[in-house]
PDB file of N, CA and C in Angstrom:
ATOM      1  N   MET A   1       1.024  -1.093   0.409  1.00  0.00           N
ATOM      2  CA  MET A   1      -0.075  -0.274   0.277  1.00  0.00           C
ATOM      3  C   MET A   1       0.976   1.593  -0.003  1.00  0.00           C
ATOM      4  N   LEU A   2       2.140   1.485   0.638  1.00  0.00           N
ATOM      5  CA  LEU A   2       2.863   2.423   1.103  1.00  0.00           C
ATOM      6  C   LEU A   2       3.264   2.412  -0.818  1.00  0.00           C
ATOM      7  N   GLU A   3       3.864   1.522  -1.194  1.00  0.00           N
ATOM      8  CA  GLU A   3       5.145   1.374  -2.296  1.00  0.00           C
ATOM      9  C   GLU A   3       3.820   2.119  -3.444  1.00  0.00           C
ATOM     10  N   GLU A   4       2.328   1.781  -3.487  1.00  0.00           N
ATOM     11  CA  GLU A   4       1.589   2.397  -4.098  1.00  0.00           C
ATOM     12  C   GLU A   4       1.209   3.751  -4.052  1.00  0.00           C
ATOM     13  N   TRP A   5       1.187   4.353  -3.051  1.00  0.00           N
ATOM     14  CA  TRP A   5       0.888   5.512  -2.197  1.00  0.00           C
ATOM     15  C   TRP A   5       2.037   6.404  -3.511  1.00  0.00           C
ATOM     16  N   GLN A   6       3.968   5.759  -2.520  1.00  0.00           N
ATOM     17  CA  GLN A   6       4.553   6.871  -2.575  1.00  0.00           C
ATOM     18  C   GLN A   6       4.689   7.121  -4.557  1.00  0.00           C
ATOM     19  N   THR A   7       4.241   5.838  -5.180  1.00  0.00           N
ATOM     20  CA  THR A   7       4.050   5.753  -7.023  1.00  0.00           C
ATOM     21  C   THR A   7       2.942   6.769  -7.120  1.00  0.00           C
ATOM     22  N   SER A   8       1.706   6.793  -6.578  1.00  0.00           N
ATOM     23  CA  SER A   8       1.080   7.999  -6.861  1.00  0.00           C
ATOM     24  C   SER A   8       1.499   9.302  -6.472  1.00  0.00           C
ATOM     25  N   TRP A   9       2.298   9.862  -5.352  1.00  0.00           N
ATOM     26  CA  TRP A   9       2.701  11.112  -5.094  1.00  0.00           C
ATOM     27  C   TRP A   9       3.452  11.390  -5.771  1.00  0.00           C
ATOM     28  N   LYS A  10       4.473  10.353  -6.588  1.00  0.00           N
ATOM     29  CA  LYS A  10       5.736  10.894  -7.666  1.00  0.00           C
ATOM     30  C   LYS A  10       5.707  10.797  -8.926  1.00  0.00           C
ATOM     31  N   ASN A  11       4.398  10.596  -9.526  1.00  0.00           N
ATOM     32  CA  ASN A  11       4.226  10.715 -10.518  1.00  0.00           C
ATOM     33  C   ASN A  11       2.777  11.472 -11.063  1.00  0.00           C
ATOM     34  N   GLY A  12       2.492  12.126  -9.977  1.00  0.00           N
ATOM     35  CA  GLY A  12       0.641  12.891  -9.460  1.00  0.00           C
ATOM     36  C   GLY A  12       0.916  14.172 -10.193  1.00  0.00           C
ATOM     37  N   ASP A  13       0.199  14.903 -10.657  1.00  0.00           N
ATOM     38  CA  ASP A  13      -0.064  15.753 -11.622  1.00  0.00           C
ATOM     39  C   ASP A  13      -0.206  17.252 -10.132  1.00  0.00           C
ATOM     40  N   THR A  14      -0.985  17.344  -9.402  1.00  0.00           N
ATOM     41  CA  THR A  14      -0.943  17.982  -8.591  1.00  0.00           C
ATOM     42  C   THR A  14      -0.408  18.030  -6.963  1.00  0.00           C
ATOM     43  N   GLY A  15      -0.567  19.072  -6.275  1.00  0.00           N
ATOM     44  CA  GLY A  15       0.582  18.779  -4.849  1.00  0.00           C
ATOM     45  C   GLY A  15       2.267  19.193  -4.684  1.00  0.00           C
ATOM     46  N   ARG A  16       2.251  19.697  -6.281  1.00  0.00           N
ATOM     47  CA  ARG A  16       4.387  19.632  -6.684  1.00  0.00           C
ATOM     48  C   ARG A  16       4.749  20.580  -5.436  1.00  0.00           C
ATOM     49  N   LYS A  17       3.974  21.300  -4.491  1.00  0.00           N
ATOM     50  CA  LYS A  17       5.174  22.313  -4.422  1.00  0.00           C
ATOM     51  C   LYS A  17       5.258  21.676  -2.942  1.00  0.00           C
ATOM     52  N   ILE A  18       4.279  21.055  -2.973  1.00  0.00           N
ATOM     53  CA  ILE A  18       5.012  19.897  -1.357  1.00  0.00           C
ATOM     54  C   ILE A  18       5.581  18.587  -1.263  1.00  0.00           C
ATOM     55  N   PHE A  19       4.900  18.248  -2.462  1.00  0.00           N
ATOM     56  CA  PHE A  19       6.089  16.916  -3.300  1.00  0.00           C
ATOM     57  C   PHE A  19       7.722  17.413  -3.376  1.00  0.00           C
ATOM     58  N   ASN A  20       7.889  19.197  -3.794  1.00  0.00           N
ATOM     59  CA  ASN A  20       9.289  19.527  -3.677  1.00  0.00           C
ATOM     60  C   ASN A  20       9.377  19.314  -2.209  1.00  0.00           C
ATOM     61  N   ILE A  21       8.639  19.684  -1.310  1.00  0.00           N
ATOM     62  CA  ILE A  21       9.441  19.633  -0.285  1.00  0.00           C
ATOM     63  C   ILE A  21       9.662  18.125   0.796  1.00  0.00           C
ATOM     64  N   MET A  22       8.292  17.717   0.297  1.00  0.00           N
ATOM     65  CA  MET A  22       8.212  16.247   0.967  1.00  0.00           C
ATOM     66  C   MET A  22       8.492  14.939  -0.023  1.00  0.00           C
ATOM     67  N   PRO A  23       9.224  14.550  -0.621  1.00  0.00           N
ATOM     68  CA  PRO A  23       9.714  13.821  -1.336  1.00  0.00           C
ATOM     69  C   PRO A  23       8.893  12.467  -1.257  1.00  0.00           C
ATOM     70  N   SER A  24       8.926  11.858  -0.283  1.00  0.00           N
ATOM     71  CA  SER A  24       8.368  10.274   0.164  1.00  0.00           C
ATOM     72  C   SER A  24       7.243  10.713   1.078  1.00  0.00           C
ATOM     73  N   VAL A  25       6.216  10.280   1.399  1.00  0.00           N
ATOM     74  CA  VAL A  25       5.406   9.367   1.882  1.00  0.00           C
ATOM     75  C   VAL A  25       5.746   8.710   3.149  1.00  0.00           C
ATOM     76  N   SER A  26       4.759   8.981   4.271  1.00  0.00           N
ATOM     77  CA  SER A  26       4.529   9.010   5.821  1.00  0.00           C
ATOM     78  C   SER A  26       3.295   8.038   6.397  1.00  0.00           C
ATOM     79  N   LEU A  27       3.828   7.419   7.115  1.00  0.00           N
ATOM     80  CA  LEU A  27       2.423   7.327   7.484  1.00  0.00           C
ATOM     81  C   LEU A  27       2.070   7.940   9.116  1.00  0.00           C
ATOM     82  N   ARG A  28       3.349   8.605   9.266  1.00  0.00           N
ATOM     83  CA  ARG A  28       3.691   9.765  10.276  1.00  0.00           C
ATOM     84  C   ARG A  28       3.468  11.016  10.176  1.00  0.00           C
ATOM     85  N   PRO A  29       3.100  11.494  11.113  1.00  0.00           N
ATOM     86  CA  PRO A  29       1.508  12.806  10.323  1.00  0.00           C
ATOM     87  C   PRO A  29       3.385  13.971  10.962  1.00  0.00           C
ATOM     88  N   THR A  30       3.428  14.782  10.131  1.00  0.00           N
ATOM     89  CA  THR A  30       4.124  16.161   9.957  1.00  0.00           C
ATOM     90  C   THR A  30       4.363  17.044  11.269  1.00  0.00           C
ATOM     91  N   ASN A  31       5.046  17.438  11.917  1.00  0.00           N
ATOM     92  CA  ASN A  31       4.581  18.351  12.909  1.00  0.00           C
ATOM     93  C   ASN A  31       4.268  20.345  12.398  1.00  0.00           C
ATOM     94  N   TRP A  32       4.074  19.849  11.660  1.00  0.00           N
ATOM     95  CA  TRP A  32       3.672  21.515  11.096  1.00  0.00           C
ATOM     96  C   TRP A  32       2.002  22.028  11.709  1.00  0.00           C
ATOM     97  N   ILE A  33       2.242  22.987  11.827  1.00  0.00           N
ATOM     98  CA  ILE A  33       1.027  23.436  11.800  1.00  0.00           C
ATOM     99  C   ILE A  33       0.334  24.446  11.444  1.00  0.00           C
ATOM    100  N   ARG A  34      -0.548  24.982  11.714  1.00  0.00           N
ATOM    101  CA  ARG A  34      -1.789  24.505  10.617  1.00  0.00           C
ATOM    102  C   ARG A  34      -1.235  25.705   9.207  1.00  0.00           C
ATOM    103  N   GLU A  35      -0.758  27.403   9.994  1.00  0.00           N
ATOM    104  CA  GLU A  35      -0.146  28.416   9.497  1.00  0.00           C
ATOM    105  C   GLU A  35       1.644  27.481   8.425  1.00  0.00           C
ATOM    106  N   ASP A  36       2.099  26.669   8.960  1.00  0.00           N
ATOM    107  CA  ASP A  36       2.889  26.275   7.785  1.00  0.00           C
ATOM    108  C   ASP A  36       2.283  25.617   6.784  1.00  0.00           C
ATOM    109  N   ALA A  37       1.349  24.810   6.905  1.00  0.00           N
ATOM    110  CA  ALA A  37       0.717  23.782   5.394  1.00  0.00           C
ATOM    111  C   ALA A  37      -0.070  25.317   4.295  1.00  0.00           C
ATOM    112  N   ILE A  38      -0.083  26.152   4.935  1.00  0.00           N
ATOM    113  CA  ILE A  38      -0.768  28.146   4.499  1.00  0.00           C
ATOM    114  C   ILE A  38       0.334  28.263   3.778  1.00  0.00           C
ATOM    115  N   PHE A  39       1.577  28.363   4.165  1.00  0.00           N
ATOM    116  CA  PHE A  39       2.929  28.644   4.105  1.00  0.00           C
ATOM    117  C   PHE A  39       3.431  28.088   2.423  1.00  0.00           C
ATOM    118  N   PHE A  40       3.616  26.488   3.511  1.00  0.00           N
ATOM    119  CA  PHE A  40       4.486  25.982   2.235  1.00  0.00           C
ATOM    120  C   PHE A  40       3.801  25.838   0.787  1.00  0.00           C
ATOM    121  N   SER A  41       2.295  25.308   1.014  1.00  0.00           N
ATOM    122  CA  SER A  41       1.403  24.924  -0.286  1.00  0.00           C
ATOM    123  C   SER A  41       0.848  25.770  -0.738  1.00  0.00           C
ATOM    124  N   GLN A  42       0.975  27.514  -0.247  1.00  0.00           N
ATOM    125  CA  GLN A  42       0.664  28.412  -0.766  1.00  0.00           C
ATOM    126  C   GLN A  42      -1.162  28.016  -1.078  1.00  0.00           C
ATOM    127  N   HIS A  43      -1.856  27.650  -0.092  1.00  0.00           N
ATOM    128  CA  HIS A  43      -2.811  27.698  -0.490  1.00  0.00           C
ATOM    129  C   HIS A  43      -4.233  28.346   0.943  1.00  0.00           C
ATOM    130  N   GLY A  44      -4.013  29.195   0.520  1.00  0.00           N
ATOM    131  CA  GLY A  44      -4.908  30.487   1.516  1.00  0.00           C
ATOM    132  C   GLY A  44      -4.756  31.570   0.582  1.00  0.00           C
ATOM    133  N   PRO A  45      -5.055  33.038   1.863  1.00  0.00           N
ATOM    134  CA  PRO A  45      -5.640  34.388   1.293  1.00  0.00           C
ATOM    135  C   PRO A  45      -4.994  34.871   0.435  1.00  0.00           C
ATOM    136  N   PHE A  46      -4.188  34.065  -0.226  1.00  0.00           N
ATOM    137  CA  PHE A  46      -3.021  34.995  -0.817  1.00  0.00           C
ATOM    138  C   PHE A  46      -3.548  34.984  -2.140  1.00  0.00           C
ATOM    139  N   PRO A  47      -3.797  36.326  -2.382  1.00  0.00           N
ATOM    140  CA  PRO A  47      -4.216  37.240  -4.360  1.00  0.00           C
ATOM    141  C   PRO A  47      -4.115  35.914  -5.795  1.00  0.00           C
ATOM    142  N   ALA A  48      -2.630  35.466  -5.812  1.00  0.00           N
ATOM    143  CA  ALA A  48      -1.894  34.521  -6.709  1.00  0.00           C
ATOM    144  C   ALA A  48      -2.769  33.387  -6.265  1.00  0.00           C
ATOM    145  N   TYR A  49      -3.241  32.994  -5.197  1.00  0.00           N
ATOM    146  CA  TYR A  49      -4.090  31.782  -5.301  1.00  0.00           C
ATOM    147  C   TYR A  49      -5.603  31.899  -5.473  1.00  0.00           C
ATOM    148  N   LEU A  50      -6.476  33.132  -4.742  1.00  0.00           N
ATOM    149  CA  LEU A  50      -7.866  33.544  -5.050  1.00  0.00           C
ATOM    150  C   LEU A  50      -7.455  33.811  -6.341  1.00  0.00           C
ATOM    151  N   LYS A  51      -6.864  34.275  -7.293  1.00  0.00           N
ATOM    152  CA  LYS A  51      -6.970  34.183  -8.565  1.00  0.00           C
ATOM    153  C   LYS A  51      -6.992  32.662  -9.216  1.00  0.00           C
ATOM    154  N   ARG A  52      -5.984  32.315  -9.575  1.00  0.00           N
ATOM    155  CA  ARG A  52      -5.890  31.311 -10.279  1.00  0.00           C
ATOM    156  C   ARG A  52      -7.249  29.721  -9.657  1.00  0.00           C
ATOM    157  N   PHE A  53      -8.447  29.890  -9.047  1.00  0.00           N
ATOM    158  CA  PHE A  53      -9.403  29.498  -8.801  1.00  0.00           C
ATOM    159  C   PHE A  53     -10.821  30.628  -8.574  1.00  0.00           C
ATOM    160  N   HIS A  54     -10.219  31.974  -9.587  1.00  0.00           N
ATOM    161  CA  HIS A  54     -11.133  32.228 -10.028  1.00  0.00           C
ATOM    162  C   HIS A  54     -12.511  33.274  -9.084  1.00  0.00           C
ATOM    163  N   LEU A  55     -11.141  33.197  -7.980  1.00  0.00           N
ATOM    164  CA  LEU A  55     -12.180  34.016  -6.534  1.00  0.00           C
ATOM    165  C   LEU A  55     -11.731  34.873  -6.574  1.00  0.00           C
ATOM    166  N   SER A  56     -10.904  35.613  -7.234  1.00  0.00           N
ATOM    167  CA  SER A  56     -10.463  37.671  -7.695  1.00  0.00           C
ATOM    168  C   SER A  56     -10.137  37.323  -8.932  1.00  0.00           C
ATOM    169  N   ASP A  57     -10.115  38.450  -9.086  1.00  0.00           N
ATOM    170  CA  ASP A  57     -10.369  39.534 -10.670  1.00  0.00           C
ATOM    171  C   ASP A  57      -8.152  39.065 -10.589  1.00  0.00           C
ATOM    172  N   SER A  58      -7.759  39.400  -9.540  1.00  0.00           N
ATOM    173  CA  SER A  58      -5.966  40.201 -10.014  1.00  0.00           C
ATOM    174  C   SER A  58      -5.439  38.741  -8.861  1.00  0.00           C
ATOM    175  N   ASP A  59      -3.542  38.967  -8.742  1.00  0.00           N
ATOM    176  CA  ASP A  59      -2.965  38.239  -8.522  1.00  0.00           C
ATOM    177  C   ASP A  59      -1.892  38.997  -7.663  1.00  0.00           C
ATOM    178  N   TYR A  60      -2.618  40.421  -7.667  1.00  0.00           N
ATOM    179  CA  TYR A  60      -1.354  41.489  -7.113  1.00  0.00           C
ATOM    180  C   TYR A  60      -2.592  41.904  -5.711  1.00  0.00           C
ATOM    181  N   CYS A  61      -0.831  42.031  -4.482  1.00  0.00           N
ATOM    182  CA  CYS A  61      -1.408  42.896  -3.551  1.00  0.00           C
ATOM    183  C   CYS A  61      -1.455  44.190  -3.836  1.00  0.00           C
ATOM    184  N   SER A  62      -2.127  45.033  -3.109  1.00  0.00           N
ATOM    185  CA  SER A  62      -2.744  46.461  -2.951  1.00  0.00           C
ATOM    186  C   SER A  62      -1.633  47.032  -3.034  1.00  0.00           C
ATOM    187  N   CYS A  63      -0.146  46.855  -3.071  1.00  0.00           N
ATOM    188  CA  CYS A  63       1.002  47.432  -2.967  1.00  0.00           C
ATOM    189  C   CYS A  63       1.879  47.517  -3.993  1.00  0.00           C
ATOM    190  N   GLY A  64       1.242  46.635  -5.775  1.00  0.00           N
ATOM    191  CA  GLY A  64       1.505  45.665  -6.893  1.00  0.00           C
ATOM    192  C   GLY A  64       2.463  45.256  -6.850  1.00  0.00           C
ATOM    193  N   GLY A  65       3.052  44.390  -6.295  1.00  0.00           N
ATOM    194  CA  GLY A  65       3.332  42.823  -6.042  1.00  0.00           C
ATOM    195  C   GLY A  65       2.309  41.608  -6.538  1.00  0.00           C
ATOM    196  N   ILE A  66       3.071  40.592  -6.907  1.00  0.00           N
ATOM    197  CA  ILE A  66       2.657  39.504  -7.074  1.00  0.00           C
ATOM    198  C   ILE A  66       2.204  39.160  -5.871  1.00  0.00           C
ATOM    199  N   GLY A  67       1.088  38.381  -6.130  1.00  0.00           N
ATOM    200  CA  GLY A  67       0.480  38.224  -4.200  1.00  0.00           C
ATOM    201  C   GLY A  67       0.926  36.957  -3.519  1.00  0.00           C
ATOM    202  N   THR A  68       1.757  36.187  -3.554  1.00  0.00           N
ATOM    203  CA  THR A  68       2.275  34.390  -3.370  1.00  0.00           C
ATOM    204  C   THR A  68       3.062  34.770  -1.736  1.00  0.00           C
ATOM    205  N   ALA A  69       2.713  33.639  -0.726  1.00  0.00           N
ATOM    206  CA  ALA A  69       3.176  33.421   0.397  1.00  0.00           C
ATOM    207  C   ALA A  69       4.473  33.738   0.858  1.00  0.00           C
ATOM    208  N   LEU A  70       5.064  33.547  -0.362  1.00  0.00           N
ATOM    209  CA  LEU A  70       6.706  33.904  -0.378  1.00  0.00           C
ATOM    210  C   LEU A  70       6.809  36.135  -0.264  1.00  0.00           C
ATOM    211  N   TYR A  71       5.938  35.863  -1.273  1.00  0.00           N
ATOM    212  CA  TYR A  71       6.153  38.036  -1.573  1.00  0.00           C
ATOM    213  C   TYR A  71       5.707  38.405   0.192  1.00  0.00           C
ATOM    214  N   TYR A  72       4.580  38.010   0.087  1.00  0.00           N
ATOM    215  CA  TYR A  72       4.270  38.607   1.801  1.00  0.00           C
ATOM    216  C   TYR A  72       5.721  38.168   3.084  1.00  0.00           C
ATOM    217  N   ALA A  73       5.930  37.224   2.797  1.00  0.00           N
ATOM    218  CA  ALA A  73       7.168  37.151   3.580  1.00  0.00           C
ATOM    219  C   ALA A  73       8.682  37.931   3.388  1.00  0.00           C
ATOM    220  N   THR A  74       8.444  37.907   2.156  1.00  0.00           N
ATOM    221  CA  THR A  74      10.435  38.390   1.924  1.00  0.00           C
ATOM    222  C   THR A  74       9.766  40.132   1.318  1.00  0.00           C
ATOM    223  N   GLU A  75       8.866  40.321   0.585  1.00  0.00           N
ATOM    224  CA  GLU A  75       9.282  41.439  -0.054  1.00  0.00           C
ATOM    225  C   GLU A  75       7.597  42.594   0.202  1.00  0.00           C
ATOM    226  N   CYS A  76       6.397  42.339   0.977  1.00  0.00           N
ATOM    227  CA  CYS A  76       5.829  43.532   0.615  1.00  0.00           C
ATOM    228  C   CYS A  76       6.120  44.295   1.836  1.00  0.00           C
ATOM    229  N   ILE A  77       5.550  45.388   1.488  1.00  0.00           N
ATOM    230  CA  ILE A  77       5.505  46.656   2.621  1.00  0.00           C
ATOM    231  C   ILE A  77       5.222  46.539   3.225  1.00  0.00           C
ATOM    232  N   TYR A  78       3.967  45.907   2.924  1.00  0.00           N
ATOM    233  CA  TYR A  78       2.469  46.315   4.266  1.00  0.00           C
ATOM    234  C   TYR A  78       2.709  45.133   5.121  1.00  0.00           C
ATOM    235  N   THR A  79       3.812  43.957   4.667  1.00  0.00           N
ATOM    236  CA  THR A  79       4.408  43.046   6.153  1.00  0.00           C
ATOM    237  C   THR A  79       6.034  42.494   6.073  1.00  0.00           C
ATOM    238  N   VAL A  80       6.229  44.414   6.053  1.00  0.00           N
ATOM    239  CA  VAL A  80       7.911  44.654   6.721  1.00  0.00           C
ATOM    240  C   VAL A  80       8.170  43.556   7.771  1.00  0.00           C
ATOM    241  N   SER A  81       7.680  43.940   8.408  1.00  0.00           N
ATOM    242  CA  SER A  81       7.990  43.338  10.132  1.00  0.00           C
ATOM    243  C   SER A  81       8.237  42.185  10.382  1.00  0.00           C
ATOM    244  N   CYS A  82       7.367  41.811   9.795  1.00  0.00           N
ATOM    245  CA  CYS A  82       7.649  39.981   9.468  1.00  0.00           C
ATOM    246  C   CYS A  82       8.454  39.328   8.682  1.00  0.00           C
ATOM    247  N   HIS A  83       9.181  40.011   8.215  1.00  0.00           N
ATOM    248  CA  HIS A  83       9.790  39.137   6.740  1.00  0.00           C
ATOM    249  C   HIS A  83      11.214  38.694   6.781  1.00  0.00           C
ATOM    250  N   MET A  84      11.496  38.051   6.092  1.00  0.00           N
ATOM    251  CA  MET A  84      12.167  36.567   6.424  1.00  0.00           C
ATOM    252  C   MET A  84      13.306  37.247   4.634  1.00  0.00           C
ATOM    253  N   ARG A  85      14.192  36.447   4.976  1.00  0.00           N
ATOM    254  CA  ARG A  85      15.347  37.125   4.636  1.00  0.00           C
ATOM    255  C   ARG A  85      14.754  35.448   2.874  1.00  0.00           C
ATOM    256  N   LYS A  86      14.795  36.562   1.877  1.00  0.00           N
ATOM    257  CA  LYS A  86      14.296  35.590   0.275  1.00  0.00           C
ATOM    258  C   LYS A  86      15.292  34.756   0.003  1.00  0.00           C
ATOM    259  N   PRO A  87      15.271  34.264  -0.108  1.00  0.00           N
ATOM    260  CA  PRO A  87      16.316  33.303  -0.551  1.00  0.00           C
ATOM    261  C   PRO A  87      16.426  33.071  -2.447  1.00  0.00           C
ATOM    262  N   ALA A  88      17.444  33.087  -3.161  1.00  0.00           N
ATOM    263  CA  ALA A  88      18.332  33.124  -4.264  1.00  0.00           C
ATOM    264  C   ALA A  88      17.290  31.998  -4.693  1.00  0.00           C
ATOM    265  N   PRO A  89      16.751  32.252  -6.611  1.00  0.00           N
ATOM    266  CA  PRO A  89      16.494  31.415  -6.764  1.00  0.00           C
ATOM    267  C   PRO A  89      16.573  30.178  -7.412  1.00  0.00           C
ATOM    268  N   ASN A  90      17.958  30.287  -7.451  1.00  0.00           N
ATOM    269  CA  ASN A  90      18.870  28.447  -7.128  1.00  0.00           C
ATOM    270  C   ASN A  90      18.760  28.074  -6.490  1.00  0.00           C
ATOM    271  N   ILE A  91      18.303  27.841  -5.324  1.00  0.00           N
ATOM    272  CA  ILE A  91      18.480  27.351  -3.647  1.00  0.00           C
ATOM    273  C   ILE A  91      17.253  27.360  -3.169  1.00  0.00           C
ATOM    274  N   GLU A  92      16.174  27.996  -3.629  1.00  0.00           N
ATOM    275  CA  GLU A  92      14.951  28.204  -3.258  1.00  0.00           C
ATOM    276  C   GLU A  92      14.300  26.200  -3.155  1.00  0.00           C
ATOM    277  N   GLN A  93      13.727  26.036  -3.431  1.00  0.00           N
ATOM    278  CA  GLN A  93      13.437  24.510  -3.296  1.00  0.00           C
ATOM    279  C   GLN A  93      14.263  24.044  -1.480  1.00  0.00           C
ATOM    280  N   GLU A  94      15.234  24.340  -1.962  1.00  0.00           N
ATOM    281  CA  GLU A  94      16.254  23.590   0.050  1.00  0.00           C
ATOM    282  C   GLU A  94      15.853  24.394   0.900  1.00  0.00           C
ATOM    283  N   TRP A  95      16.061  26.202   0.635  1.00  0.00           N
ATOM    284  CA  TRP A  95      14.962  26.557   1.132  1.00  0.00           C
ATOM    285  C   TRP A  95      14.092  25.945   2.651  1.00  0.00           C
ATOM    286  N   LEU A  96      13.181  26.105   1.438  1.00  0.00           N
ATOM    287  CA  LEU A  96      12.307  25.332   1.688  1.00  0.00           C
ATOM    288  C   LEU A  96      12.133  23.941   2.428  1.00  0.00           C
ATOM    289  N   GLN A  97      12.276  23.148   1.938  1.00  0.00           N
ATOM    290  CA  GLN A  97      12.846  22.330   2.373  1.00  0.00           C
ATOM    291  C   GLN A  97      13.699  21.863   3.981  1.00  0.00           C
ATOM    292  N   LYS A  98      14.646  22.763   4.167  1.00  0.00           N
ATOM    293  CA  LYS A  98      14.974  23.100   5.621  1.00  0.00           C
ATOM    294  C   LYS A  98      14.257  23.437   6.349  1.00  0.00           C
ATOM    295  N   GLY A  99      12.886  24.984   6.177  1.00  0.00           N
ATOM    296  CA  GLY A  99      11.483  25.637   6.625  1.00  0.00           C
ATOM    297  C   GLY A  99      10.980  24.933   6.890  1.00  0.00           C
ATOM    298  N   ARG A 100      10.351  23.328   6.263  1.00  0.00           N
ATOM    299  CA  ARG A 100      10.026  22.850   7.092  1.00  0.00           C
ATOM    300  C   ARG A 100       9.976  21.196   8.664  1.00  0.00           C
ATOM    301  N   GLN A 101      11.344  21.255   8.598  1.00  0.00           N
ATOM    302  CA  GLN A 101      12.216  20.779   9.531  1.00  0.00           C
ATOM    303  C   GLN A 101      12.063  20.894  10.971  1.00  0.00           C
TER     304      GLN A 101
END
């Protein structure tokens, strides 16, 4: 059963953001809190997500940037007091993987 699940997860079309962070399936739950799941999956009240599902007309933040979870965490002028340092594009996946540990 676990092998079938792993094969399905590996070859799937959806959930690729999470797959890139957690490529192996497990029966053990993650220690993620709700906010972690929202940030890493980018499924939350972000303009880019809402537009993707036609729940908003725009994927832009009111400050002008594309409203993704990473954008709010690293660049948006309205969330500057909560900013993290943005990873270089070539290490973004590794950064996300380390962030979930």
